[in-house]
Amino acid sequence: MLRKSIAASLFAALLAATLVVAAQPKTGTQFYAEYRAAFAKAKGFNEIAPLMSKAQREKLAAIPADQQKTLWDLSKQMDVRDLKVVKETPAADGATLEITAVAQDGTKVKGMVKLVKEAGAWKWDGEEIM
């Protein structure tokens, strides 16, 4: 009886600890890694739209479908590799990420990524790579 009680207590404690860790909010950097993975697999903007801010989705909706396809193809062609987040700066509405990467031609580039929080969830709100 005592063993069952101890085992049940240990299980409850372990479960509670797991739930606390799982409930921890992810960082902007963690979200952006998920966004980049989704972008890499996606075949069009519609697949990553749920990860985009409302403002970005509205801009996208204003672009005719054929032009969206062209823009998507260009985005994929110009995508960078070896991307690293070097700094995350929290803001009242989200965060700004400073990144480094390698362009298609092998040039090292730097950039900024804007993330916002909407209804408590991270959303991609644009990026500039120079």
Protein backbone atom coordinates (compact mmCIF):
# COMPACT_ATOMS: atom_id res chain seq x y z
CA MET A 1 0.00 0.00 0.00
CA LEU A 2 2.80 2.40 0.95
CA ARG A 3 4.68 1.52 -2.28
CA LYS A 4 1.60 2.33 -4.37
CA SER A 5 1.24 5.66 -2.59
CA ILE A 6 4.90 6.54 -3.09
CA ALA A 7 4.79 5.45 -6.74
CA ALA A 8 1.61 7.47 -7.32
CA SER A 9 3.19 10.53 -5.67
CA LEU A 10 6.35 10.21 -7.75
CA PHE A 11 4.31 9.81 -10.93
CA ALA A 12 2.21 12.87 -10.07
CA ALA A 13 5.34 14.93 -9.35
CA LEU A 14 6.96 13.83 -12.60
CA LEU A 15 3.80 14.62 -14.57
CA ALA A 16 3.52 18.05 -12.96
CA ALA A 17 7.17 18.83 -13.75
CA THR A 18 6.66 17.75 -17.37
CA LEU A 19 3.60 19.96 -17.72
CA VAL A 20 5.46 22.96 -16.29
CA VAL A 21 8.30 22.48 -18.80
CA ALA A 22 5.83 22.01 -21.67
CA ALA A 23 3.93 25.14 -20.63
CA GLN A 24 7.04 27.32 -20.84
CA PRO A 25 6.60 29.85 -23.65
CA LYS A 26 8.96 29.31 -26.53
CA THR A 27 11.36 32.04 -27.49
CA GLY A 28 11.18 33.99 -30.70
CA THR A 29 14.29 32.14 -31.85
CA GLN A 30 12.58 28.78 -31.28
CA PHE A 31 9.50 29.93 -33.19
CA TYR A 32 11.63 31.20 -36.07
CA ALA A 33 13.35 27.81 -36.32
CA GLU A 34 9.89 26.23 -36.67
CA TYR A 35 8.92 28.87 -39.24
CA ARG A 36 12.08 28.20 -41.29
CA ALA A 37 11.44 24.44 -41.20
CA ALA A 38 7.87 25.01 -42.40
CA PHE A 39 9.10 27.38 -45.13
CA ALA A 40 11.62 24.79 -46.32
CA LYS A 41 8.90 22.14 -46.71
CA ALA A 42 6.15 24.42 -48.05
CA LYS A 43 5.08 24.50 -51.69
CA GLY A 44 3.37 27.88 -51.40
CA PHE A 45 2.48 30.77 -49.11
CA ASN A 46 -0.80 29.14 -48.10
CA GLU A 47 1.16 26.49 -46.18
CA ILE A 48 2.99 29.02 -44.02
CA ALA A 49 0.22 31.63 -43.77
CA PRO A 50 -0.86 30.40 -40.30
CA LEU A 51 2.63 31.32 -39.05
CA MET A 52 2.44 34.81 -40.55
CA SER A 53 1.12 37.92 -38.81
CA LYS A 54 -2.31 39.24 -39.68
CA ALA A 55 -0.68 42.23 -41.40
CA GLN A 56 1.48 39.95 -43.59
CA ARG A 57 -1.51 37.72 -44.45
CA GLU A 58 -3.49 40.81 -45.48
CA LYS A 59 -0.63 42.01 -47.72
CA LEU A 60 -0.44 38.56 -49.27
CA ALA A 61 -4.19 38.44 -49.87
CA ALA A 62 -3.94 41.68 -51.86
CA ILE A 63 -1.54 40.08 -54.36
CA PRO A 64 -3.12 38.23 -57.32
CA ALA A 65 -2.61 34.44 -57.22
CA ASP A 66 -0.33 34.32 -60.29
CA GLN A 67 1.90 37.00 -58.80
CA GLN A 68 1.93 35.15 -55.48
CA LYS A 69 3.28 32.10 -57.31
CA THR A 70 6.04 34.20 -58.90
CA LEU A 71 6.88 35.79 -55.55
CA TRP A 72 6.99 32.35 -53.91
CA ASP A 73 9.32 31.00 -56.57
CA LEU A 74 11.64 34.00 -56.14
CA SER A 75 11.57 33.58 -52.36
CA LYS A 76 12.66 29.97 -52.70
CA GLN A 77 15.36 30.79 -55.27
CA MET A 78 16.80 33.56 -53.10
CA ASP A 79 16.59 31.64 -49.82
CA VAL A 80 19.71 31.55 -47.66
CA ARG A 81 21.45 28.64 -45.97
CA ASP A 82 23.39 28.15 -42.73
CA LEU A 83 21.11 30.66 -41.03
CA LYS A 84 21.92 31.49 -37.40
CA VAL A 85 20.15 33.78 -34.96
CA VAL A 86 22.88 35.82 -33.29
CA LYS A 87 20.68 38.01 -31.10
CA GLU A 88 17.07 38.14 -29.96
CA THR A 89 15.81 41.50 -28.72
CA PRO A 90 12.44 41.33 -26.96
CA ALA A 91 9.91 44.07 -27.68
CA ALA A 92 6.53 44.93 -26.21
CA ASP A 93 4.74 43.30 -29.16
CA GLY A 94 7.21 40.49 -29.98
CA ALA A 95 10.91 40.41 -30.81
CA THR A 96 13.53 41.32 -33.37
CA LEU A 97 16.08 38.72 -34.38
CA GLU A 98 19.49 39.53 -35.81
CA ILE A 99 20.61 36.77 -38.16
CA THR A 100 23.58 35.72 -40.23
CA ALA A 101 23.44 33.38 -43.21
CA VAL A 102 25.04 32.44 -46.49
CA ALA A 103 23.45 33.63 -49.74
CA GLN A 104 23.06 31.43 -52.81
CA ASP A 105 26.29 32.87 -54.27
CA GLY A 106 28.26 32.02 -51.10
CA THR A 107 28.31 35.56 -49.74
CA LYS A 108 27.90 35.97 -46.00
CA VAL A 109 24.85 38.10 -45.25
CA LYS A 110 23.20 39.66 -42.21
CA GLY A 111 19.57 40.37 -41.59
CA MET A 112 16.75 41.26 -39.25
CA VAL A 113 13.57 39.29 -38.60
CA LYS A 114 10.49 40.89 -37.08
CA LEU A 115 8.27 38.66 -34.96
CA VAL A 116 5.05 39.70 -33.28
CA LYS A 117 2.78 38.07 -30.76
CA GLU A 118 -0.87 37.78 -31.72
CA ALA A 119 -3.25 36.27 -29.15
CA GLY A 120 -0.19 35.01 -27.28
CA ALA A 121 1.28 33.17 -30.29
CA TRP A 122 4.45 34.06 -32.19
CA LYS A 123 3.96 35.16 -35.81
CA TRP A 124 6.43 36.05 -38.55
CA ASP A 125 6.06 39.71 -39.54
CA GLY A 126 8.80 40.14 -42.12
CA GLU A 127 12.54 40.05 -42.60
CA GLU A 128 15.31 41.89 -44.37
CA ILE A 129 18.50 40.21 -45.48
CA MET A 130 21.39 42.35 -46.71
